[in-house]
Amino acid sequence: MHSAKPPPEPPTRDGDQVGRTPPKFGLNGFLITSAPKAAACRTIRQIAAQADREGDDGFAHSQAEFVTTHA
């Protein structure tokens, strides 16, 4: 078994203090540990059914904008 790494040291300055702009992305994830697999699949479908569609559309738009800008 691998041992966990200690957490990184906290930053001494915020990015905006050194001229960096904040990133324009976010990340969400789920770890579903249901057994059997059918129960895990039901859980995933329930999560998807409750997803914020407006947020999804906004994310898709921002990704398209990024790709267009950085192509």
PDB file of N, CA and C in Angstrom:
ATOM      1  N   MET A   1       0.842  -1.180   0.000  1.00  0.00           N
ATOM      2  CA  MET A   1       0.000   0.000   0.000  1.00  0.00           C
ATOM      3  C   MET A   1       0.885   1.240   0.000  1.00  0.00           C
ATOM      4  N   HIS A   2       0.521   2.206  -0.803  1.00  0.00           N
ATOM      5  CA  HIS A   2       1.282   3.444  -0.884  1.00  0.00           C
ATOM      6  C   HIS A   2       0.871   4.378   0.245  1.00  0.00           C
ATOM      7  N   SER A   3       1.853   5.091   0.756  1.00  0.00           N
ATOM      8  CA  SER A   3       1.502   6.085   1.773  1.00  0.00           C
ATOM      9  C   SER A   3       1.132   7.391   1.088  1.00  0.00           C
ATOM     10  N   ALA A   4       0.227   8.103   1.708  1.00  0.00           N
ATOM     11  CA  ALA A   4      -0.222   9.382   1.146  1.00  0.00           C
ATOM     12  C   ALA A   4       0.870  10.428   1.303  1.00  0.00           C
ATOM     13  N   LYS A   5       0.965  11.300   0.318  1.00  0.00           N
ATOM     14  CA  LYS A   5       1.915  12.404   0.397  1.00  0.00           C
ATOM     15  C   LYS A   5       1.355  13.482   1.310  1.00  0.00           C
ATOM     16  N   PRO A   6       2.221  14.185   1.995  1.00  0.00           N
ATOM     17  CA  PRO A   6       1.714  15.291   2.824  1.00  0.00           C
ATOM     18  C   PRO A   6       1.168  16.396   1.925  1.00  0.00           C
ATOM     19  N   PRO A   7       0.212  17.174   2.423  1.00  0.00           N
ATOM     20  CA  PRO A   7      -0.327  18.255   1.596  1.00  0.00           C
ATOM     21  C   PRO A   7       0.746  19.284   1.277  1.00  0.00           C
ATOM     22  N   PRO A   8       0.626  19.952   0.128  1.00  0.00           N
ATOM     23  CA  PRO A   8       1.620  20.974  -0.222  1.00  0.00           C
ATOM     24  C   PRO A   8       1.542  22.151   0.743  1.00  0.00           C
ATOM     25  N   GLU A   9       2.623  22.870   0.797  1.00  0.00           N
ATOM     26  CA  GLU A   9       2.644  24.072   1.636  1.00  0.00           C
ATOM     27  C   GLU A   9       1.642  25.078   1.080  1.00  0.00           C
ATOM     28  N   PRO A  10       0.990  25.828   1.940  1.00  0.00           N
ATOM     29  CA  PRO A  10       0.057  26.833   1.432  1.00  0.00           C
ATOM     30  C   PRO A  10       0.806  27.918   0.667  1.00  0.00           C
ATOM     31  N   PRO A  11       0.157  28.519  -0.326  1.00  0.00           N
ATOM     32  CA  PRO A  11       0.840  29.563  -1.093  1.00  0.00           C
ATOM     33  C   PRO A  11       1.154  30.767  -0.206  1.00  0.00           C
ATOM     34  N   THR A  12       2.248  31.414  -0.536  1.00  0.00           N
ATOM     35  CA  THR A  12       2.627  32.602   0.233  1.00  0.00           C
ATOM     36  C   THR A  12       1.996  33.863  -0.333  1.00  0.00           C
ATOM     37  N   ARG A  13       1.579  33.807  -1.589  1.00  0.00           N
ATOM     38  CA  ARG A  13       0.909  34.951  -2.225  1.00  0.00           C
ATOM     39  C   ARG A  13      -0.178  34.443  -3.148  1.00  0.00           C
ATOM     40  N   ASP A  14      -1.217  35.247  -3.332  1.00  0.00           N
ATOM     41  CA  ASP A  14      -2.252  34.902  -4.296  1.00  0.00           C
ATOM     42  C   ASP A  14      -1.725  35.165  -5.701  1.00  0.00           C
ATOM     43  N   GLY A  15      -2.271  34.411  -6.675  1.00  0.00           N
ATOM     44  CA  GLY A  15      -1.840  34.570  -8.061  1.00  0.00           C
ATOM     45  C   GLY A  15      -2.006  35.982  -8.583  1.00  0.00           C
ATOM     46  N   ASP A  16      -3.089  36.656  -8.177  1.00  0.00           N
ATOM     47  CA  ASP A  16      -3.294  38.013  -8.691  1.00  0.00           C
ATOM     48  C   ASP A  16      -2.252  38.989  -8.162  1.00  0.00           C
ATOM     49  N   GLN A  17      -1.606  38.656  -7.051  1.00  0.00           N
ATOM     50  CA  GLN A  17      -0.561  39.525  -6.508  1.00  0.00           C
ATOM     51  C   GLN A  17       0.733  39.439  -7.304  1.00  0.00           C
ATOM     52  N   VAL A  18       0.882  38.380  -8.085  1.00  0.00           N
ATOM     53  CA  VAL A  18       2.082  38.228  -8.900  1.00  0.00           C
ATOM     54  C   VAL A  18       1.771  38.297 -10.394  1.00  0.00           C
ATOM     55  N   GLY A  19       0.590  38.846 -10.730  1.00  0.00           N
ATOM     56  CA  GLY A  19       0.250  39.083 -12.119  1.00  0.00           C
ATOM     57  C   GLY A  19      -0.393  37.924 -12.852  1.00  0.00           C
ATOM     58  N   ARG A  20      -0.859  36.916 -12.146  1.00  0.00           N
ATOM     59  CA  ARG A  20      -1.521  35.791 -12.808  1.00  0.00           C
ATOM     60  C   ARG A  20      -3.031  35.986 -12.766  1.00  0.00           C
ATOM     61  N   THR A  21      -3.685  35.572 -13.836  1.00  0.00           N
ATOM     62  CA  THR A  21      -5.145  35.610 -13.846  1.00  0.00           C
ATOM     63  C   THR A  21      -5.659  34.263 -13.359  1.00  0.00           C
ATOM     64  N   PRO A  22      -6.805  34.257 -12.713  1.00  0.00           N
ATOM     65  CA  PRO A  22      -7.334  32.980 -12.227  1.00  0.00           C
ATOM     66  C   PRO A  22      -7.765  32.083 -13.382  1.00  0.00           C
ATOM     67  N   PRO A  23      -7.684  30.779 -13.214  1.00  0.00           N
ATOM     68  CA  PRO A  23      -8.111  29.883 -14.285  1.00  0.00           C
ATOM     69  C   PRO A  23      -9.616  30.000 -14.524  1.00  0.00           C
ATOM     70  N   LYS A  24     -10.033  29.666 -15.753  1.00  0.00           N
ATOM     71  CA  LYS A  24     -11.445  29.735 -16.107  1.00  0.00           C
ATOM     72  C   LYS A  24     -12.014  28.326 -16.237  1.00  0.00           C
ATOM     73  N   PHE A  25     -11.739  27.484 -15.268  1.00  0.00           N
ATOM     74  CA  PHE A  25     -12.290  26.139 -15.328  1.00  0.00           C
ATOM     75  C   PHE A  25     -12.543  25.625 -13.917  1.00  0.00           C
ATOM     76  N   GLY A  26     -13.306  24.580 -13.850  1.00  0.00           N
ATOM     77  CA  GLY A  26     -13.583  23.920 -12.587  1.00  0.00           C
ATOM     78  C   GLY A  26     -13.684  22.423 -12.837  1.00  0.00           C
ATOM     79  N   LEU A  27     -13.693  21.688 -11.782  1.00  0.00           N
ATOM     80  CA  LEU A  27     -13.741  20.243 -11.906  1.00  0.00           C
ATOM     81  C   LEU A  27     -14.597  19.672 -10.791  1.00  0.00           C
ATOM     82  N   ASN A  28     -15.502  18.825 -11.162  1.00  0.00           N
ATOM     83  CA  ASN A  28     -16.310  18.089 -10.204  1.00  0.00           C
ATOM     84  C   ASN A  28     -16.142  16.615 -10.495  1.00  0.00           C
ATOM     85  N   GLY A  29     -16.249  15.817  -9.484  1.00  0.00           N
ATOM     86  CA  GLY A  29     -16.141  14.384  -9.693  1.00  0.00           C
ATOM     87  C   GLY A  29     -16.925  13.623  -8.649  1.00  0.00           C
ATOM     88  N   PHE A  30     -17.181  12.380  -8.944  1.00  0.00           N
ATOM     89  CA  PHE A  30     -17.905  11.506  -8.040  1.00  0.00           C
ATOM     90  C   PHE A  30     -17.158  10.185  -7.935  1.00  0.00           C
ATOM     91  N   LEU A  31     -17.122   9.647  -6.753  1.00  0.00           N
ATOM     92  CA  LEU A  31     -16.611   8.307  -6.527  1.00  0.00           C
ATOM     93  C   LEU A  31     -17.779   7.516  -5.970  1.00  0.00           C
ATOM     94  N   ILE A  32     -18.254   6.569  -6.725  1.00  0.00           N
ATOM     95  CA  ILE A  32     -19.411   5.779  -6.325  1.00  0.00           C
ATOM     96  C   ILE A  32     -18.919   4.374  -6.020  1.00  0.00           C
ATOM     97  N   THR A  33     -19.158   3.953  -4.801  1.00  0.00           N
ATOM     98  CA  THR A  33     -18.631   2.660  -4.359  1.00  0.00           C
ATOM     99  C   THR A  33     -19.748   1.673  -4.040  1.00  0.00           C
ATOM    100  N   SER A  34     -20.850   1.777  -4.756  1.00  0.00           N
ATOM    101  CA  SER A  34     -21.977   0.870  -4.529  1.00  0.00           C
ATOM    102  C   SER A  34     -21.693  -0.495  -5.138  1.00  0.00           C
ATOM    103  N   ALA A  35     -22.156  -1.505  -4.471  1.00  0.00           N
ATOM    104  CA  ALA A  35     -22.087  -2.848  -5.028  1.00  0.00           C
ATOM    105  C   ALA A  35     -23.498  -3.397  -4.985  1.00  0.00           C
ATOM    106  N   PRO A  36     -23.968  -4.043  -5.934  1.00  0.00           N
ATOM    107  CA  PRO A  36     -23.333  -4.420  -7.188  1.00  0.00           C
ATOM    108  C   PRO A  36     -23.279  -3.260  -8.184  1.00  0.00           C
ATOM    109  N   LYS A  37     -22.718  -3.553  -9.341  1.00  0.00           N
ATOM    110  CA  LYS A  37     -22.549  -2.526 -10.367  1.00  0.00           C
ATOM    111  C   LYS A  37     -23.879  -1.875 -10.740  1.00  0.00           C
ATOM    112  N   ALA A  38     -24.957  -2.627 -10.775  1.00  0.00           N
ATOM    113  CA  ALA A  38     -26.269  -2.079 -11.137  1.00  0.00           C
ATOM    114  C   ALA A  38     -26.671  -0.958 -10.176  1.00  0.00           C
ATOM    115  N   ALA A  39     -26.354  -1.093  -8.895  1.00  0.00           N
ATOM    116  CA  ALA A  39     -26.682  -0.045  -7.920  1.00  0.00           C
ATOM    117  C   ALA A  39     -25.870   1.210  -8.195  1.00  0.00           C
ATOM    118  N   ALA A  40     -24.611   1.042  -8.553  1.00  0.00           N
ATOM    119  CA  ALA A  40     -23.767   2.191  -8.883  1.00  0.00           C
ATOM    120  C   ALA A  40     -24.302   2.899 -10.135  1.00  0.00           C
ATOM    121  N   CYS A  41     -24.738   2.138 -11.111  1.00  0.00           N
ATOM    122  CA  CYS A  41     -25.295   2.733 -12.332  1.00  0.00           C
ATOM    123  C   CYS A  41     -26.570   3.513 -12.033  1.00  0.00           C
ATOM    124  N   ARG A  42     -27.412   2.991 -11.146  1.00  0.00           N
ATOM    125  CA  ARG A  42     -28.632   3.721 -10.756  1.00  0.00           C
ATOM    126  C   ARG A  42     -28.258   5.037 -10.087  1.00  0.00           C
ATOM    127  N   THR A  43     -27.239   5.009  -9.232  1.00  0.00           N
ATOM    128  CA  THR A  43     -26.792   6.223  -8.550  1.00  0.00           C
ATOM    129  C   THR A  43     -26.307   7.258  -9.552  1.00  0.00           C
ATOM    130  N   ILE A  44     -25.534   6.834 -10.536  1.00  0.00           N
ATOM    131  CA  ILE A  44     -25.035   7.755 -11.564  1.00  0.00           C
ATOM    132  C   ILE A  44     -26.209   8.367 -12.327  1.00  0.00           C
ATOM    133  N   ARG A  45     -27.202   7.558 -12.681  1.00  0.00           N
ATOM    134  CA  ARG A  45     -28.366   8.084 -13.402  1.00  0.00           C
ATOM    135  C   ARG A  45     -29.125   9.098 -12.542  1.00  0.00           C
ATOM    136  N   GLN A  46     -29.230   8.849 -11.234  1.00  0.00           N
ATOM    137  CA  GLN A  46     -29.900   9.801 -10.339  1.00  0.00           C
ATOM    138  C   GLN A  46     -29.137  11.124 -10.280  1.00  0.00           C
ATOM    139  N   ILE A  47     -27.826  11.053 -10.206  1.00  0.00           N
ATOM    140  CA  ILE A  47     -27.003  12.271 -10.182  1.00  0.00           C
ATOM    141  C   ILE A  47     -27.195  13.044 -11.484  1.00  0.00           C
ATOM    142  N   ALA A  48     -27.144  12.346 -12.610  1.00  0.00           N
ATOM    143  CA  ALA A  48     -27.300  13.006 -13.910  1.00  0.00           C
ATOM    144  C   ALA A  48     -28.678  13.639 -14.044  1.00  0.00           C
ATOM    145  N   ALA A  49     -29.700  12.991 -13.506  1.00  0.00           N
ATOM    146  CA  ALA A  49     -31.060  13.525 -13.603  1.00  0.00           C
ATOM    147  C   ALA A  49     -31.208  14.822 -12.818  1.00  0.00           C
ATOM    148  N   GLN A  50     -30.383  15.005 -11.792  1.00  0.00           N
ATOM    149  CA  GLN A  50     -30.472  16.202 -10.956  1.00  0.00           C
ATOM    150  C   GLN A  50     -29.457  17.279 -11.350  1.00  0.00           C
ATOM    151  N   ALA A  51     -28.739  17.060 -12.440  1.00  0.00           N
ATOM    152  CA  ALA A  51     -27.694  18.003 -12.859  1.00  0.00           C
ATOM    153  C   ALA A  51     -28.297  19.348 -13.254  1.00  0.00           C
ATOM    154  N   ASP A  52     -27.529  20.381 -13.048  1.00  0.00           N
ATOM    155  CA  ASP A  52     -27.921  21.743 -13.409  1.00  0.00           C
ATOM    156  C   ASP A  52     -27.687  21.936 -14.902  1.00  0.00           C
ATOM    157  N   ARG A  53     -28.752  21.822 -15.685  1.00  0.00           N
ATOM    158  CA  ARG A  53     -28.618  21.919 -17.145  1.00  0.00           C
ATOM    159  C   ARG A  53     -28.116  23.293 -17.579  1.00  0.00           C
ATOM    160  N   GLU A  54     -28.531  24.348 -16.905  1.00  0.00           N
ATOM    161  CA  GLU A  54     -28.064  25.691 -17.261  1.00  0.00           C
ATOM    162  C   GLU A  54     -26.548  25.779 -17.063  1.00  0.00           C
ATOM    163  N   GLY A  55     -26.061  25.198 -15.988  1.00  0.00           N
ATOM    164  CA  GLY A  55     -24.622  25.178 -15.743  1.00  0.00           C
ATOM    165  C   GLY A  55     -23.886  24.373 -16.796  1.00  0.00           C
ATOM    166  N   ASP A  56     -24.473  23.242 -17.200  1.00  0.00           N
ATOM    167  CA  ASP A  56     -23.862  22.428 -18.247  1.00  0.00           C
ATOM    168  C   ASP A  56     -23.754  23.202 -19.551  1.00  0.00           C
ATOM    169  N   ASP A  57     -24.837  23.921 -19.916  1.00  0.00           N
ATOM    170  CA  ASP A  57     -24.828  24.704 -21.147  1.00  0.00           C
ATOM    171  C   ASP A  57     -23.782  25.820 -21.077  1.00  0.00           C
ATOM    172  N   GLY A  58     -23.672  26.456 -19.917  1.00  0.00           N
ATOM    173  CA  GLY A  58     -22.661  27.506 -19.742  1.00  0.00           C
ATOM    174  C   GLY A  58     -21.255  26.957 -19.868  1.00  0.00           C
ATOM    175  N   PHE A  59     -21.036  25.770 -19.310  1.00  0.00           N
ATOM    176  CA  PHE A  59     -19.727  25.129 -19.409  1.00  0.00           C
ATOM    177  C   PHE A  59     -19.409  24.799 -20.866  1.00  0.00           C
ATOM    178  N   ALA A  60     -20.381  24.232 -21.576  1.00  0.00           N
ATOM    179  CA  ALA A  60     -20.159  23.879 -22.979  1.00  0.00           C
ATOM    180  C   ALA A  60     -19.815  25.124 -23.796  1.00  0.00           C
ATOM    181  N   HIS A  61     -20.518  26.231 -23.529  1.00  0.00           N
ATOM    182  CA  HIS A  61     -20.251  27.484 -24.248  1.00  0.00           C
ATOM    183  C   HIS A  61     -18.833  27.986 -23.951  1.00  0.00           C
ATOM    184  N   SER A  62     -18.436  27.943 -22.681  1.00  0.00           N
ATOM    185  CA  SER A  62     -17.096  28.438 -22.335  1.00  0.00           C
ATOM    186  C   SER A  62     -16.012  27.580 -22.978  1.00  0.00           C
ATOM    187  N   GLN A  63     -16.249  26.266 -23.090  1.00  0.00           N
ATOM    188  CA  GLN A  63     -15.263  25.393 -23.723  1.00  0.00           C
ATOM    189  C   GLN A  63     -15.161  25.696 -25.214  1.00  0.00           C
ATOM    190  N   ALA A  64     -16.296  25.911 -25.860  1.00  0.00           N
ATOM    191  CA  ALA A  64     -16.282  26.246 -27.288  1.00  0.00           C
ATOM    192  C   ALA A  64     -15.561  27.571 -27.508  1.00  0.00           C
ATOM    193  N   GLU A  65     -15.807  28.525 -26.625  1.00  0.00           N
ATOM    194  CA  GLU A  65     -15.145  29.831 -26.718  1.00  0.00           C
ATOM    195  C   GLU A  65     -13.633  29.676 -26.559  1.00  0.00           C
ATOM    196  N   PHE A  66     -13.208  28.859 -25.600  1.00  0.00           N
ATOM    197  CA  PHE A  66     -11.777  28.629 -25.368  1.00  0.00           C
ATOM    198  C   PHE A  66     -11.125  28.010 -26.597  1.00  0.00           C
ATOM    199  N   VAL A  67     -11.772  26.981 -27.147  1.00  0.00           N
ATOM    200  CA  VAL A  67     -11.207  26.301 -28.313  1.00  0.00           C
ATOM    201  C   VAL A  67     -11.091  27.252 -29.492  1.00  0.00           C
ATOM    202  N   THR A  68     -12.105  28.080 -29.703  1.00  0.00           N
ATOM    203  CA  THR A  68     -12.092  29.044 -30.803  1.00  0.00           C
ATOM    204  C   THR A  68     -10.980  30.068 -30.601  1.00  0.00           C
ATOM    205  N   THR A  69     -10.811  30.536 -29.387  1.00  0.00           N
ATOM    206  CA  THR A  69      -9.815  31.554 -29.085  1.00  0.00           C
ATOM    207  C   THR A  69      -8.398  31.019 -29.183  1.00  0.00           C
ATOM    208  N   HIS A  70      -8.191  29.758 -28.802  1.00  0.00           N
ATOM    209  CA  HIS A  70      -6.842  29.200 -28.724  1.00  0.00           C
ATOM    210  C   HIS A  70      -6.517  28.207 -29.847  1.00  0.00           C
ATOM    211  N   ALA A  71      -7.302  28.219 -30.902  1.00  0.00           N
ATOM    212  CA  ALA A  71      -7.061  27.271 -32.009  1.00  0.00           C
ATOM    213  C   ALA A  71      -5.894  27.726 -32.859  1.00  0.00           C
TER     214      ALA A  71
END
